[in-house]
Amino acid sequence: MKKTILSAAVLAVVGLTACEKGAMNPGNVSGFTQEINQEEPSLRLAQSNFTTHITQPLGGTAGQDHYNQGTIEYRIDGQEVAVVDFGDGSENFVATKTVNGQSSNIDLKQGQKPSEYKKVIVEPLVKTNDCDYIVSGIIKYYKGKKWVATIDYGDGTCDEWATKKTADDFHKFSLADKK
């Protein structure tokens, strides 16, 4: 009986320690979800279920991990509500968004908040007024120069699901975890 209790206690301590150490590991969905939920949107739209149209082909310079040319239009009910222009192929980490005739820059490095990861926006992170979650966009996470994960927030549908890809895994997970 004493051996069983002692074994259970040792397993509990080891299990809790392993969870703490893996809290920010991209392989640990619930710990990494907290980082993902803190991302700032690049673009805010009035509603979800918008459509996107690539009006200039998206592309990047060899060796870059983001687009640096091309244009995406965002439409609601067939009306253009925003445009993101990745540029003309110059090697920069800035795209231009135009919403309601007002233009501003999108930092594709996503460096506004402290993080243990380097982040690169591949497609703008879109948040809508009618949804609690980022509904669209792709972001890559790096530890130093090594890629560790890519998060795809979806197609503009208001839901809690995102897809995470790592070297060893590819699956959907809920953004509601640890929100």
C-alpha atoms as a PDB file:
ATOM      1  CA  MET A   1       0.000   0.000   0.000  1.00  0.00           C
ATOM      2  CA  LYS A   2       2.813   2.416   0.934  1.00  0.00           C
ATOM      3  CA  LYS A   3       4.599   1.604  -2.361  1.00  0.00           C
ATOM      4  CA  THR A   4       1.434   2.382  -4.332  1.00  0.00           C
ATOM      5  CA  ILE A   5       0.945   5.757  -2.626  1.00  0.00           C
ATOM      6  CA  LEU A   6       4.631   6.623  -3.003  1.00  0.00           C
ATOM      7  CA  SER A   7       4.586   5.608  -6.694  1.00  0.00           C
ATOM      8  CA  ALA A   8       1.483   7.720  -7.312  1.00  0.00           C
ATOM      9  CA  ALA A   9       3.093  10.721  -5.597  1.00  0.00           C
ATOM     10  CA  VAL A  10       6.292  10.383  -7.642  1.00  0.00           C
ATOM     11  CA  LEU A  11       4.302  10.103 -10.887  1.00  0.00           C
ATOM     12  CA  ALA A  12       2.252  13.182  -9.975  1.00  0.00           C
ATOM     13  CA  VAL A  13       5.381  15.264  -9.285  1.00  0.00           C
ATOM     14  CA  VAL A  14       7.058  14.076 -12.498  1.00  0.00           C
ATOM     15  CA  GLY A  15       3.878  14.736 -14.490  1.00  0.00           C
ATOM     16  CA  LEU A  16       3.459  18.268 -13.092  1.00  0.00           C
ATOM     17  CA  THR A  17       7.109  19.090 -13.707  1.00  0.00           C
ATOM     18  CA  ALA A  18       6.890  17.854 -17.296  1.00  0.00           C
ATOM     19  CA  CYS A  19       3.788  19.983 -17.899  1.00  0.00           C
ATOM     20  CA  GLU A  20       5.516  23.093 -16.554  1.00  0.00           C
ATOM     21  CA  LYS A  21       8.644  22.568 -18.646  1.00  0.00           C
ATOM     22  CA  GLY A  22       6.575  22.035 -21.805  1.00  0.00           C
ATOM     23  CA  ALA A  23       4.227  24.942 -21.188  1.00  0.00           C
ATOM     24  CA  MET A  24       5.547  27.043 -24.081  1.00  0.00           C
ATOM     25  CA  ASN A  25       6.642  24.157 -26.292  1.00  0.00           C
ATOM     26  CA  PRO A  26       4.776  24.246 -29.636  1.00  0.00           C
ATOM     27  CA  GLY A  27       4.254  20.503 -29.258  1.00  0.00           C
ATOM     28  CA  ASN A  28       2.178  21.192 -26.144  1.00  0.00           C
ATOM     29  CA  VAL A  29      -1.118  22.465 -27.545  1.00  0.00           C
ATOM     30  CA  SER A  30      -2.625  23.923 -24.373  1.00  0.00           C
ATOM     31  CA  GLY A  31       0.552  25.842 -23.374  1.00  0.00           C
ATOM     32  CA  PHE A  32       1.251  27.132 -26.867  1.00  0.00           C
ATOM     33  CA  THR A  33      -2.410  28.126 -27.280  1.00  0.00           C
ATOM     34  CA  GLN A  34      -1.921  30.873 -24.697  1.00  0.00           C
ATOM     35  CA  GLU A  35       0.806  32.419 -26.878  1.00  0.00           C
ATOM     36  CA  ILE A  36      -1.382  32.041 -29.964  1.00  0.00           C
ATOM     37  CA  ASN A  37      -4.384  33.685 -28.284  1.00  0.00           C
ATOM     38  CA  GLN A  38      -2.300  36.749 -27.435  1.00  0.00           C
ATOM     39  CA  GLU A  39      -1.445  37.540 -31.055  1.00  0.00           C
ATOM     40  CA  GLU A  40      -2.480  40.953 -32.301  1.00  0.00           C
ATOM     41  CA  PRO A  41      -4.622  41.006 -35.440  1.00  0.00           C
ATOM     42  CA  SER A  42      -3.142  42.689 -38.500  1.00  0.00           C
ATOM     43  CA  LEU A  43      -6.553  43.576 -39.851  1.00  0.00           C
ATOM     44  CA  ARG A  44      -9.991  44.116 -38.285  1.00  0.00           C
ATOM     45  CA  LEU A  45     -13.156  43.604 -40.331  1.00  0.00           C
ATOM     46  CA  ALA A  46     -16.818  44.188 -39.486  1.00  0.00           C
ATOM     47  CA  GLN A  47     -17.873  40.562 -39.825  1.00  0.00           C
ATOM     48  CA  SER A  48     -16.630  37.054 -40.427  1.00  0.00           C
ATOM     49  CA  ASN A  49     -17.493  34.872 -43.431  1.00  0.00           C
ATOM     50  CA  PHE A  50     -15.772  37.308 -45.774  1.00  0.00           C
ATOM     51  CA  THR A  51     -14.127  36.184 -48.979  1.00  0.00           C
ATOM     52  CA  THR A  52     -10.601  36.814 -50.150  1.00  0.00           C
ATOM     53  CA  HIS A  53      -9.436  37.349 -53.701  1.00  0.00           C
ATOM     54  CA  ILE A  54      -5.811  37.381 -54.767  1.00  0.00           C
ATOM     55  CA  THR A  55      -5.667  40.200 -57.302  1.00  0.00           C
ATOM     56  CA  GLN A  56      -1.881  40.108 -57.809  1.00  0.00           C
ATOM     57  CA  PRO A  57      -0.082  36.750 -57.398  1.00  0.00           C
ATOM     58  CA  LEU A  58       1.437  36.247 -53.949  1.00  0.00           C
ATOM     59  CA  GLY A  59       5.118  35.400 -53.899  1.00  0.00           C
ATOM     60  CA  GLY A  60       8.302  35.694 -51.994  1.00  0.00           C
ATOM     61  CA  THR A  61      12.003  35.948 -52.575  1.00  0.00           C
ATOM     62  CA  ALA A  62      13.884  32.653 -52.297  1.00  0.00           C
ATOM     63  CA  GLY A  63      14.948  32.076 -48.720  1.00  0.00           C
ATOM     64  CA  GLN A  64      12.291  34.361 -47.219  1.00  0.00           C
ATOM     65  CA  ASP A  65       9.548  32.987 -45.006  1.00  0.00           C
ATOM     66  CA  HIS A  66       6.858  35.515 -45.925  1.00  0.00           C
ATOM     67  CA  TYR A  67       5.245  37.107 -48.954  1.00  0.00           C
ATOM     68  CA  ASN A  68       6.866  40.281 -50.275  1.00  0.00           C
ATOM     69  CA  GLN A  69       4.753  40.707 -53.392  1.00  0.00           C
ATOM     70  CA  GLY A  70       1.121  40.385 -54.349  1.00  0.00           C
ATOM     71  CA  THR A  71      -2.259  41.685 -53.236  1.00  0.00           C
ATOM     72  CA  ILE A  72      -5.222  40.204 -51.351  1.00  0.00           C
ATOM     73  CA  GLU A  73      -8.698  41.805 -51.400  1.00  0.00           C
ATOM     74  CA  TYR A  74     -11.140  41.126 -48.573  1.00  0.00           C
ATOM     75  CA  ARG A  75     -14.834  41.305 -49.508  1.00  0.00           C
ATOM     76  CA  ILE A  76     -18.069  41.201 -47.566  1.00  0.00           C
ATOM     77  CA  ASP A  77     -21.231  40.592 -49.593  1.00  0.00           C
ATOM     78  CA  GLY A  78     -19.237  41.189 -52.783  1.00  0.00           C
ATOM     79  CA  GLN A  79     -18.007  44.627 -51.656  1.00  0.00           C
ATOM     80  CA  GLU A  80     -14.296  45.272 -51.156  1.00  0.00           C
ATOM     81  CA  VAL A  81     -13.707  46.213 -47.504  1.00  0.00           C
ATOM     82  CA  ALA A  82      -9.912  45.941 -47.297  1.00  0.00           C
ATOM     83  CA  VAL A  83      -6.806  45.342 -49.403  1.00  0.00           C
ATOM     84  CA  VAL A  84      -3.430  44.053 -48.253  1.00  0.00           C
ATOM     85  CA  ASP A  85      -0.506  44.781 -50.574  1.00  0.00           C
ATOM     86  CA  PHE A  86       2.668  42.817 -49.854  1.00  0.00           C
ATOM     87  CA  GLY A  87       4.706  44.986 -52.212  1.00  0.00           C
ATOM     88  CA  ASP A  88       6.709  44.625 -55.362  1.00  0.00           C
ATOM     89  CA  GLY A  89       9.264  42.028 -54.310  1.00  0.00           C
ATOM     90  CA  SER A  90      11.593  44.210 -52.261  1.00  0.00           C
ATOM     91  CA  GLU A  91      13.078  42.478 -49.251  1.00  0.00           C
ATOM     92  CA  ASN A  92      11.156  43.997 -46.371  1.00  0.00           C
ATOM     93  CA  PHE A  93       8.872  42.804 -43.595  1.00  0.00           C
ATOM     94  CA  VAL A  94       6.103  45.346 -44.202  1.00  0.00           C
ATOM     95  CA  ALA A  95       2.803  45.073 -46.051  1.00  0.00           C
ATOM     96  CA  THR A  96       0.320  47.895 -46.586  1.00  0.00           C
ATOM     97  CA  LYS A  97      -3.325  47.522 -45.629  1.00  0.00           C
ATOM     98  CA  THR A  98      -6.044  49.824 -46.887  1.00  0.00           C
ATOM     99  CA  VAL A  99      -9.378  49.907 -45.052  1.00  0.00           C
ATOM    100  CA  ASN A 100     -12.057  52.513 -45.815  1.00  0.00           C
ATOM    101  CA  GLY A 101      -9.573  54.486 -47.895  1.00  0.00           C
ATOM    102  CA  GLN A 102      -7.061  54.721 -45.028  1.00  0.00           C
ATOM    103  CA  SER A 103      -3.663  53.044 -45.513  1.00  0.00           C
ATOM    104  CA  SER A 104      -1.273  51.846 -42.828  1.00  0.00           C
ATOM    105  CA  ASN A 105       1.532  49.325 -42.474  1.00  0.00           C
ATOM    106  CA  ILE A 106       1.452  45.752 -41.195  1.00  0.00           C
ATOM    107  CA  ASP A 107       4.628  44.609 -39.448  1.00  0.00           C
ATOM    108  CA  LEU A 108       5.140  41.084 -40.779  1.00  0.00           C
ATOM    109  CA  LYS A 109       7.608  40.340 -37.948  1.00  0.00           C
ATOM    110  CA  GLN A 110       4.818  40.595 -35.342  1.00  0.00           C
ATOM    111  CA  GLY A 111       7.246  42.016 -32.798  1.00  0.00           C
ATOM    112  CA  GLN A 112       4.916  44.177 -30.695  1.00  0.00           C
ATOM    113  CA  LYS A 113       4.754  41.873 -27.651  1.00  0.00           C
ATOM    114  CA  PRO A 114       7.628  40.161 -25.856  1.00  0.00           C
ATOM    115  CA  SER A 115       7.917  36.482 -26.732  1.00  0.00           C
ATOM    116  CA  GLU A 116      10.449  33.706 -26.686  1.00  0.00           C
ATOM    117  CA  TYR A 117       9.643  33.194 -30.377  1.00  0.00           C
ATOM    118  CA  LYS A 118      10.469  35.112 -33.524  1.00  0.00           C
ATOM    119  CA  LYS A 119       7.191  35.440 -35.415  1.00  0.00           C
ATOM    120  CA  VAL A 120       6.541  36.021 -39.093  1.00  0.00           C
ATOM    121  CA  ILE A 121       3.123  36.865 -40.512  1.00  0.00           C
ATOM    122  CA  VAL A 122       2.662  34.928 -43.747  1.00  0.00           C
ATOM    123  CA  GLU A 123      -0.946  36.070 -44.257  1.00  0.00           C
ATOM    124  CA  PRO A 124      -2.526  38.876 -42.194  1.00  0.00           C
ATOM    125  CA  LEU A 125      -4.168  37.860 -38.928  1.00  0.00           C
ATOM    126  CA  VAL A 126      -7.819  38.924 -39.240  1.00  0.00           C
ATOM    127  CA  LYS A 127     -10.146  39.597 -36.310  1.00  0.00           C
ATOM    128  CA  THR A 128     -13.794  40.504 -36.830  1.00  0.00           C
ATOM    129  CA  ASN A 129     -16.252  42.437 -34.692  1.00  0.00           C
ATOM    130  CA  ASP A 130     -18.620  39.458 -34.516  1.00  0.00           C
ATOM    131  CA  CYS A 131     -16.131  36.829 -33.286  1.00  0.00           C
ATOM    132  CA  ASP A 132     -14.046  36.272 -30.154  1.00  0.00           C
ATOM    133  CA  TYR A 133     -11.172  34.677 -32.078  1.00  0.00           C
ATOM    134  CA  ILE A 134      -8.805  35.502 -34.915  1.00  0.00           C
ATOM    135  CA  VAL A 135     -10.639  34.005 -37.903  1.00  0.00           C
ATOM    136  CA  SER A 136      -8.013  34.033 -40.648  1.00  0.00           C
ATOM    137  CA  GLY A 137      -4.285  34.347 -41.206  1.00  0.00           C
ATOM    138  CA  ILE A 138      -1.087  32.364 -40.990  1.00  0.00           C
ATOM    139  CA  ILE A 139       1.829  32.958 -38.621  1.00  0.00           C
ATOM    140  CA  LYS A 140       5.139  31.091 -38.375  1.00  0.00           C
ATOM    141  CA  TYR A 141       7.056  30.714 -35.103  1.00  0.00           C
ATOM    142  CA  TYR A 142      10.833  30.370 -34.900  1.00  0.00           C
ATOM    143  CA  LYS A 143      13.226  29.695 -32.049  1.00  0.00           C
ATOM    144  CA  GLY A 144      16.316  31.558 -33.195  1.00  0.00           C
ATOM    145  CA  LYS A 145      16.493  30.728 -36.911  1.00  0.00           C
ATOM    146  CA  LYS A 146      14.831  27.324 -36.526  1.00  0.00           C
ATOM    147  CA  TRP A 147      11.174  27.015 -37.569  1.00  0.00           C
ATOM    148  CA  VAL A 148       9.113  25.357 -34.813  1.00  0.00           C
ATOM    149  CA  ALA A 149       5.450  25.773 -35.820  1.00  0.00           C
ATOM    150  CA  THR A 150       2.972  27.320 -38.236  1.00  0.00           C
ATOM    151  CA  ILE A 151      -0.512  28.321 -37.096  1.00  0.00           C
ATOM    152  CA  ASP A 152      -3.314  28.708 -39.638  1.00  0.00           C
ATOM    153  CA  TYR A 153      -6.321  30.481 -38.121  1.00  0.00           C
ATOM    154  CA  GLY A 154      -8.711  29.443 -40.877  1.00  0.00           C
ATOM    155  CA  ASP A 155     -10.711  30.815 -43.783  1.00  0.00           C
ATOM    156  CA  GLY A 156     -12.660  33.655 -42.135  1.00  0.00           C
ATOM    157  CA  THR A 157     -15.320  31.499 -40.490  1.00  0.00           C
ATOM    158  CA  CYS A 158     -16.108  32.520 -36.903  1.00  0.00           C
ATOM    159  CA  ASP A 159     -15.089  29.448 -34.951  1.00  0.00           C
ATOM    160  CA  GLU A 160     -12.617  28.526 -32.255  1.00  0.00           C
ATOM    161  CA  TRP A 161     -10.462  26.250 -34.443  1.00  0.00           C
ATOM    162  CA  ALA A 162      -6.942  26.712 -35.753  1.00  0.00           C
ATOM    163  CA  THR A 163      -4.488  24.290 -37.330  1.00  0.00           C
ATOM    164  CA  LYS A 164      -0.989  23.782 -35.999  1.00  0.00           C
ATOM    165  CA  LYS A 165       1.810  22.298 -38.081  1.00  0.00           C
ATOM    166  CA  THR A 166       5.173  21.288 -36.632  1.00  0.00           C
ATOM    167  CA  ALA A 167       7.902  19.022 -37.988  1.00  0.00           C
ATOM    168  CA  ASP A 168       6.253  16.086 -36.193  1.00  0.00           C
ATOM    169  CA  ASP A 169       2.552  16.936 -36.151  1.00  0.00           C
ATOM    170  CA  PHE A 170      -0.396  18.499 -37.980  1.00  0.00           C
ATOM    171  CA  HIS A 171      -3.764  18.883 -36.272  1.00  0.00           C
ATOM    172  CA  LYS A 172      -6.680  21.172 -35.435  1.00  0.00           C
ATOM    173  CA  PHE A 173      -7.035  22.544 -31.935  1.00  0.00           C
ATOM    174  CA  SER A 174      -9.371  24.836 -30.055  1.00  0.00           C
ATOM    175  CA  LEU A 175      -8.444  28.456 -29.435  1.00  0.00           C
ATOM    176  CA  ALA A 176     -10.895  28.332 -26.538  1.00  0.00           C
ATOM    177  CA  ASP A 177      -8.369  26.284 -24.528  1.00  0.00           C
ATOM    178  CA  LYS A 178      -6.609  28.636 -22.103  1.00  0.00           C
ATOM    179  CA  LYS A 179      -8.378  31.696 -23.508  1.00  0.00           C
END
